Amino acid sequence: MGHHGLIYSHCASKVVIRLDAESDREPDKGMAMKTSIRFAPVTIAGREFICQLQRKVTFRNYRKYDASSAIHFEPQENPK
């Protein structure tokens, strides 16, 4: 399984502003994933850094495995 996607950048500053990626998969061959990450300039301690602002991840065709358990105690007789 591979991945494909797009990288978006600001033309003037040449800074990455968004990354979109999606897994390649054959039909009915397991889970697929899609993600989108947005970046923007953030000022920290008077300096500007490009930081991740938002991340959205979507999963498709996954199997949910679930389990549950319980503990039951028998009532005790009054001790003498």
N, C-alpha and C. Protein backbone atom coordinates (compact mmCIF):
# COMPACT_ATOMS: atom_id res chain seq x y z
N MET A 1 0.85 -1.17 0.00
CA MET A 1 0.00 0.00 0.00
C MET A 1 0.89 1.23 0.00
N GLY A 2 0.61 2.16 -0.89
CA GLY A 2 1.36 3.41 -0.96
C GLY A 2 0.49 4.59 -0.56
N HIS A 3 1.01 5.77 -0.79
CA HIS A 3 0.28 6.99 -0.47
C HIS A 3 0.44 7.98 -1.62
N HIS A 4 -0.53 8.87 -1.75
CA HIS A 4 -0.41 9.97 -2.68
C HIS A 4 -1.02 11.20 -2.03
N GLY A 5 -0.66 12.38 -2.53
CA GLY A 5 -1.22 13.59 -1.95
C GLY A 5 -0.69 14.84 -2.60
N LEU A 6 -0.96 15.95 -1.95
CA LEU A 6 -0.57 17.26 -2.45
C LEU A 6 0.07 18.07 -1.34
N ILE A 7 1.01 18.91 -1.72
CA ILE A 7 1.63 19.87 -0.80
C ILE A 7 1.34 21.25 -1.36
N TYR A 8 0.72 22.10 -0.54
CA TYR A 8 0.39 23.46 -0.95
C TYR A 8 1.37 24.41 -0.28
N SER A 9 1.86 25.38 -1.05
CA SER A 9 2.79 26.36 -0.48
C SER A 9 2.38 27.76 -0.88
N HIS A 10 2.81 28.72 -0.08
CA HIS A 10 2.59 30.13 -0.37
C HIS A 10 3.64 30.55 -1.39
N CYS A 11 3.20 31.09 -2.53
CA CYS A 11 4.13 31.38 -3.63
C CYS A 11 5.22 32.37 -3.24
N ALA A 12 4.87 33.46 -2.59
CA ALA A 12 5.86 34.50 -2.28
C ALA A 12 6.88 34.04 -1.25
N SER A 13 6.40 33.39 -0.17
CA SER A 13 7.31 33.00 0.91
C SER A 13 7.87 31.59 0.75
N LYS A 14 7.28 30.79 -0.15
CA LYS A 14 7.68 29.40 -0.37
C LYS A 14 7.55 28.56 0.91
N VAL A 15 6.55 28.88 1.71
CA VAL A 15 6.29 28.17 2.97
C VAL A 15 5.14 27.20 2.76
N VAL A 16 5.27 25.98 3.27
CA VAL A 16 4.20 24.99 3.17
C VAL A 16 3.04 25.44 4.06
N ILE A 17 1.83 25.48 3.47
CA ILE A 17 0.66 25.89 4.24
C ILE A 17 -0.35 24.76 4.43
N ARG A 18 -0.25 23.71 3.60
CA ARG A 18 -1.17 22.58 3.76
C ARG A 18 -0.56 21.33 3.14
N LEU A 19 -0.86 20.20 3.78
CA LEU A 19 -0.41 18.90 3.29
C LEU A 19 -1.61 17.97 3.31
N ASP A 20 -1.94 17.39 2.16
CA ASP A 20 -3.03 16.41 2.06
C ASP A 20 -2.43 15.09 1.60
N ALA A 21 -2.76 14.01 2.28
CA ALA A 21 -2.25 12.69 1.91
C ALA A 21 -3.36 11.66 2.06
N GLU A 22 -3.33 10.65 1.19
CA GLU A 22 -4.34 9.59 1.21
C GLU A 22 -3.66 8.28 0.86
N SER A 23 -4.05 7.22 1.55
CA SER A 23 -3.47 5.91 1.27
C SER A 23 -4.08 5.32 0.00
N ASP A 24 -3.23 4.65 -0.77
CA ASP A 24 -3.69 3.91 -1.95
C ASP A 24 -3.99 2.50 -1.49
N ARG A 25 -5.10 1.96 -1.93
CA ARG A 25 -5.44 0.59 -1.56
C ARG A 25 -6.30 -0.03 -2.63
N GLU A 26 -6.22 -1.33 -2.72
CA GLU A 26 -7.08 -2.05 -3.64
C GLU A 26 -8.46 -2.19 -2.99
N PRO A 27 -9.52 -2.23 -3.79
CA PRO A 27 -10.86 -2.39 -3.21
C PRO A 27 -10.95 -3.63 -2.31
N ASP A 28 -11.60 -3.49 -1.20
CA ASP A 28 -11.81 -4.58 -0.24
C ASP A 28 -10.51 -5.17 0.29
N LYS A 29 -9.47 -4.37 0.39
CA LYS A 29 -8.19 -4.87 0.90
C LYS A 29 -7.74 -4.14 2.16
N GLY A 30 -8.67 -3.82 3.02
CA GLY A 30 -8.28 -3.26 4.30
C GLY A 30 -8.56 -1.78 4.45
N MET A 31 -8.04 -1.25 5.54
CA MET A 31 -8.30 0.10 5.96
C MET A 31 -7.64 1.13 5.05
N ALA A 32 -8.30 2.29 4.90
CA ALA A 32 -7.76 3.41 4.15
C ALA A 32 -7.72 4.62 5.07
N MET A 33 -6.76 5.52 4.83
CA MET A 33 -6.58 6.69 5.68
C MET A 33 -6.41 7.93 4.81
N LYS A 34 -6.97 9.04 5.28
CA LYS A 34 -6.83 10.32 4.60
C LYS A 34 -6.52 11.36 5.67
N THR A 35 -5.54 12.23 5.42
CA THR A 35 -5.18 13.25 6.39
C THR A 35 -4.97 14.59 5.71
N SER A 36 -5.29 15.64 6.42
CA SER A 36 -5.07 17.01 5.95
C SER A 36 -4.47 17.80 7.11
N ILE A 37 -3.33 18.42 6.87
CA ILE A 37 -2.63 19.19 7.91
C ILE A 37 -2.46 20.61 7.41
N ARG A 38 -2.86 21.57 8.23
CA ARG A 38 -2.73 23.00 7.88
C ARG A 38 -1.65 23.64 8.76
N PHE A 39 -0.85 24.49 8.13
CA PHE A 39 0.24 25.18 8.80
C PHE A 39 0.04 26.69 8.65
N ALA A 40 0.58 27.45 9.61
CA ALA A 40 0.51 28.91 9.54
C ALA A 40 1.62 29.50 10.40
N PRO A 41 2.00 30.74 10.10
CA PRO A 41 3.02 31.39 10.92
C PRO A 41 2.47 31.72 12.31
N VAL A 42 3.30 31.46 13.32
CA VAL A 42 2.95 31.74 14.71
C VAL A 42 4.13 32.45 15.35
N THR A 43 3.85 33.50 16.10
CA THR A 43 4.92 34.24 16.77
C THR A 43 5.13 33.66 18.16
N ILE A 44 6.35 33.23 18.43
CA ILE A 44 6.74 32.68 19.73
C ILE A 44 7.99 33.42 20.19
N ALA A 45 7.91 34.05 21.35
CA ALA A 45 9.04 34.79 21.93
C ALA A 45 9.61 35.80 20.93
N GLY A 46 8.71 36.47 20.21
CA GLY A 46 9.13 37.50 19.28
C GLY A 46 9.67 37.00 17.95
N ARG A 47 9.69 35.69 17.75
CA ARG A 47 10.17 35.12 16.48
C ARG A 47 9.02 34.40 15.80
N GLU A 48 9.05 34.36 14.47
CA GLU A 48 7.98 33.72 13.72
C GLU A 48 8.39 32.31 13.30
N PHE A 49 7.50 31.35 13.58
CA PHE A 49 7.71 29.95 13.24
C PHE A 49 6.50 29.45 12.46
N ILE A 50 6.71 28.48 11.57
CA ILE A 50 5.61 27.83 10.88
C ILE A 50 5.22 26.61 11.71
N CYS A 51 3.98 26.60 12.20
CA CYS A 51 3.52 25.53 13.09
C CYS A 51 2.24 24.89 12.55
N GLN A 52 2.03 23.65 12.98
CA GLN A 52 0.79 22.94 12.63
C GLN A 52 -0.35 23.56 13.41
N LEU A 53 -1.41 23.96 12.71
CA LEU A 53 -2.57 24.55 13.37
C LEU A 53 -3.73 23.58 13.46
N GLN A 54 -3.89 22.74 12.46
CA GLN A 54 -5.04 21.85 12.43
C GLN A 54 -4.66 20.56 11.73
N ARG A 55 -5.19 19.46 12.24
CA ARG A 55 -4.96 18.16 11.61
C ARG A 55 -6.27 17.39 11.61
N LYS A 56 -6.65 16.91 10.44
CA LYS A 56 -7.87 16.13 10.31
C LYS A 56 -7.49 14.77 9.71
N VAL A 57 -7.86 13.70 10.41
CA VAL A 57 -7.55 12.35 9.95
C VAL A 57 -8.86 11.58 9.84
N THR A 58 -9.04 10.90 8.71
CA THR A 58 -10.24 10.11 8.47
C THR A 58 -9.83 8.68 8.13
N PHE A 59 -10.46 7.72 8.78
CA PHE A 59 -10.22 6.30 8.49
C PHE A 59 -11.47 5.71 7.85
N ARG A 60 -11.27 4.84 6.86
CA ARG A 60 -12.39 4.16 6.19
C ARG A 60 -12.09 2.67 6.12
N ASN A 61 -13.15 1.90 6.01
CA ASN A 61 -13.05 0.45 5.82
C ASN A 61 -12.25 -0.24 6.92
N TYR A 62 -12.43 0.20 8.13
CA TYR A 62 -11.74 -0.44 9.25
C TYR A 62 -12.68 -1.40 9.96
N ARG A 63 -12.12 -2.31 10.67
CA ARG A 63 -12.91 -3.25 11.47
C ARG A 63 -12.82 -2.83 12.92
N LYS A 64 -13.94 -2.82 13.56
CA LYS A 64 -13.97 -2.48 14.97
C LYS A 64 -13.95 -3.77 15.78
N TYR A 65 -12.97 -3.88 16.65
CA TYR A 65 -12.89 -5.02 17.56
C TYR A 65 -13.31 -4.51 18.93
N ASP A 66 -14.19 -5.26 19.58
CA ASP A 66 -14.75 -4.81 20.85
C ASP A 66 -14.80 -5.97 21.82
N ALA A 67 -14.63 -5.65 23.06
CA ALA A 67 -14.73 -6.67 24.11
C ALA A 67 -15.28 -6.01 25.37
N SER A 68 -15.90 -6.80 26.19
CA SER A 68 -16.38 -6.28 27.47
C SER A 68 -16.25 -7.38 28.51
N SER A 69 -16.23 -6.96 29.76
CA SER A 69 -16.14 -7.92 30.85
C SER A 69 -16.87 -7.36 32.06
N ALA A 70 -17.20 -8.24 32.97
CA ALA A 70 -17.88 -7.85 34.21
C ALA A 70 -17.44 -8.77 35.33
N ILE A 71 -17.39 -8.23 36.54
CA ILE A 71 -17.06 -9.02 37.72
C ILE A 71 -18.27 -8.99 38.64
N HIS A 72 -18.72 -10.17 39.04
CA HIS A 72 -19.87 -10.28 39.93
C HIS A 72 -19.42 -11.00 41.19
N PHE A 73 -19.85 -10.50 42.33
CA PHE A 73 -19.52 -11.12 43.61
C PHE A 73 -20.79 -11.71 44.23
N GLU A 74 -20.65 -12.89 44.79
CA GLU A 74 -21.77 -13.52 45.48
C GLU A 74 -21.96 -12.79 46.82
N PRO A 75 -23.20 -12.59 47.23
CA PRO A 75 -23.41 -11.95 48.54
C PRO A 75 -22.83 -12.81 49.66
N GLN A 76 -22.18 -12.15 50.62
CA GLN A 76 -21.59 -12.87 51.75
C GLN A 76 -22.59 -12.98 52.90
N GLU A 77 -22.48 -14.09 53.61
CA GLU A 77 -23.30 -14.23 54.81
C GLU A 77 -22.68 -13.36 55.91
N ASN A 78 -23.51 -12.97 56.87
CA ASN A 78 -22.99 -12.13 57.97
C ASN A 78 -21.96 -12.92 58.78
N PRO A 79 -20.74 -12.44 58.89
CA PRO A 79 -19.72 -13.15 59.71
C PRO A 79 -20.03 -13.00 61.20
N LYS A 80 -19.74 -14.06 61.99
CA LYS A 80 -20.00 -14.01 63.45
C LYS A 80 -18.76 -13.74 64.21
